[in-house]
Amino acid sequence: MRYEIRVEGEMSRTMTDSFPELESCVISGQTLLFGQVTDEAHLYGLLARFQSLGLHVVEMRRLAM
């Protein structure tokens, strides 16, 4: 499964490095992270990482293959 996750604000390189399994870019003042998510447990782990870093997820969506 591929996912796209939008985070409020521009994440620093150090922050994006906390998500080595995802690629990232900045669009209109938001950080877009995207990539392969292996299963539901991985997805919940990513969300927990965002929360623990104090990041606000604006949007998350599963992409068609």
C-alpha atoms as a PDB file:
ATOM      1  CA  MET A   1       0.000   0.000   0.000  1.00  0.00           C
ATOM      2  CA  ARG A   2       1.252   3.469  -0.841  1.00  0.00           C
ATOM      3  CA  TYR A   3       0.256   6.406   1.334  1.00  0.00           C
ATOM      4  CA  GLU A   4       0.534  10.168   1.142  1.00  0.00           C
ATOM      5  CA  ILE A   5       0.637  12.091   4.410  1.00  0.00           C
ATOM      6  CA  ARG A   6       0.488  15.894   4.632  1.00  0.00           C
ATOM      7  CA  VAL A   7       1.925  17.578   7.697  1.00  0.00           C
ATOM      8  CA  GLU A   8       1.371  21.193   8.717  1.00  0.00           C
ATOM      9  CA  GLY A   9       4.461  23.338   8.196  1.00  0.00           C
ATOM     10  CA  GLU A  10       7.873  22.683   6.741  1.00  0.00           C
ATOM     11  CA  MET A  11       9.611  19.811   8.508  1.00  0.00           C
ATOM     12  CA  SER A  12      13.362  20.105   9.026  1.00  0.00           C
ATOM     13  CA  ARG A  13      15.742  17.566   7.503  1.00  0.00           C
ATOM     14  CA  THR A  14      16.249  16.088  10.984  1.00  0.00           C
ATOM     15  CA  MET A  15      12.487  15.554  11.313  1.00  0.00           C
ATOM     16  CA  THR A  16      12.083  13.982   7.873  1.00  0.00           C
ATOM     17  CA  ASP A  17      15.020  11.693   8.678  1.00  0.00           C
ATOM     18  CA  SER A  18      12.790  10.266  11.436  1.00  0.00           C
ATOM     19  CA  PHE A  19      10.781   8.681   8.607  1.00  0.00           C
ATOM     20  CA  PRO A  20      13.452   6.887   6.527  1.00  0.00           C
ATOM     21  CA  GLU A  21      10.865   4.723   4.776  1.00  0.00           C
ATOM     22  CA  LEU A  22       9.106   7.783   3.309  1.00  0.00           C
ATOM     23  CA  GLU A  23      10.158  10.348   0.720  1.00  0.00           C
ATOM     24  CA  SER A  24       9.304  13.985   1.357  1.00  0.00           C
ATOM     25  CA  CYS A  25       8.874  17.350  -0.307  1.00  0.00           C
ATOM     26  CA  VAL A  26       7.483  20.747   0.691  1.00  0.00           C
ATOM     27  CA  ILE A  27       4.405  22.122  -1.081  1.00  0.00           C
ATOM     28  CA  SER A  28       2.626  25.355  -0.128  1.00  0.00           C
ATOM     29  CA  GLY A  29       3.968  25.477   3.417  1.00  0.00           C
ATOM     30  CA  GLN A  30       3.153  21.831   4.132  1.00  0.00           C
ATOM     31  CA  THR A  31       5.405  18.792   4.129  1.00  0.00           C
ATOM     32  CA  LEU A  32       4.252  15.905   1.974  1.00  0.00           C
ATOM     33  CA  LEU A  33       5.545  12.469   2.904  1.00  0.00           C
ATOM     34  CA  PHE A  34       4.816   9.494   0.709  1.00  0.00           C
ATOM     35  CA  GLY A  35       5.833   5.904   0.229  1.00  0.00           C
ATOM     36  CA  GLN A  36       5.167   2.263   0.864  1.00  0.00           C
ATOM     37  CA  VAL A  37       3.409   1.238   4.083  1.00  0.00           C
ATOM     38  CA  THR A  38       3.650  -2.487   4.659  1.00  0.00           C
ATOM     39  CA  ASP A  39       0.579  -3.077   6.816  1.00  0.00           C
ATOM     40  CA  GLU A  40      -1.813  -1.549   9.326  1.00  0.00           C
ATOM     41  CA  ALA A  41       0.658  -1.902  12.206  1.00  0.00           C
ATOM     42  CA  HIS A  42       3.242   0.059  10.203  1.00  0.00           C
ATOM     43  CA  LEU A  43       0.668   2.786   9.491  1.00  0.00           C
ATOM     44  CA  TYR A  44      -0.250   3.122  13.175  1.00  0.00           C
ATOM     45  CA  GLY A  45       3.451   3.197  14.041  1.00  0.00           C
ATOM     46  CA  LEU A  46       3.979   6.094  11.627  1.00  0.00           C
ATOM     47  CA  LEU A  47       1.042   7.988  13.132  1.00  0.00           C
ATOM     48  CA  ALA A  48       2.438   7.420  16.627  1.00  0.00           C
ATOM     49  CA  ARG A  49       5.806   8.794  15.456  1.00  0.00           C
ATOM     50  CA  PHE A  50       4.116  11.928  14.069  1.00  0.00           C
ATOM     51  CA  GLN A  51       2.312  12.416  17.372  1.00  0.00           C
ATOM     52  CA  SER A  52       5.409  11.867  19.509  1.00  0.00           C
ATOM     53  CA  LEU A  53       7.272  14.495  17.458  1.00  0.00           C
ATOM     54  CA  GLY A  54       4.429  16.975  17.927  1.00  0.00           C
ATOM     55  CA  LEU A  55       3.579  17.069  14.219  1.00  0.00           C
ATOM     56  CA  HIS A  56       0.056  17.866  13.032  1.00  0.00           C
ATOM     57  CA  VAL A  57      -1.154  15.535  10.261  1.00  0.00           C
ATOM     58  CA  VAL A  58      -3.457  17.555   7.992  1.00  0.00           C
ATOM     59  CA  GLU A  59      -4.365  14.793   5.556  1.00  0.00           C
ATOM     60  CA  MET A  60      -3.614  11.147   4.992  1.00  0.00           C
ATOM     61  CA  ARG A  61      -4.707   9.064   2.046  1.00  0.00           C
ATOM     62  CA  ARG A  62      -4.079   5.720   0.479  1.00  0.00           C
ATOM     63  CA  LEU A  63      -2.921   5.971  -3.119  1.00  0.00           C
ATOM     64  CA  ALA A  64      -4.004   3.671  -5.925  1.00  0.00           C
ATOM     65  CA  MET A  65      -1.301   1.299  -7.038  1.00  0.00           C
END
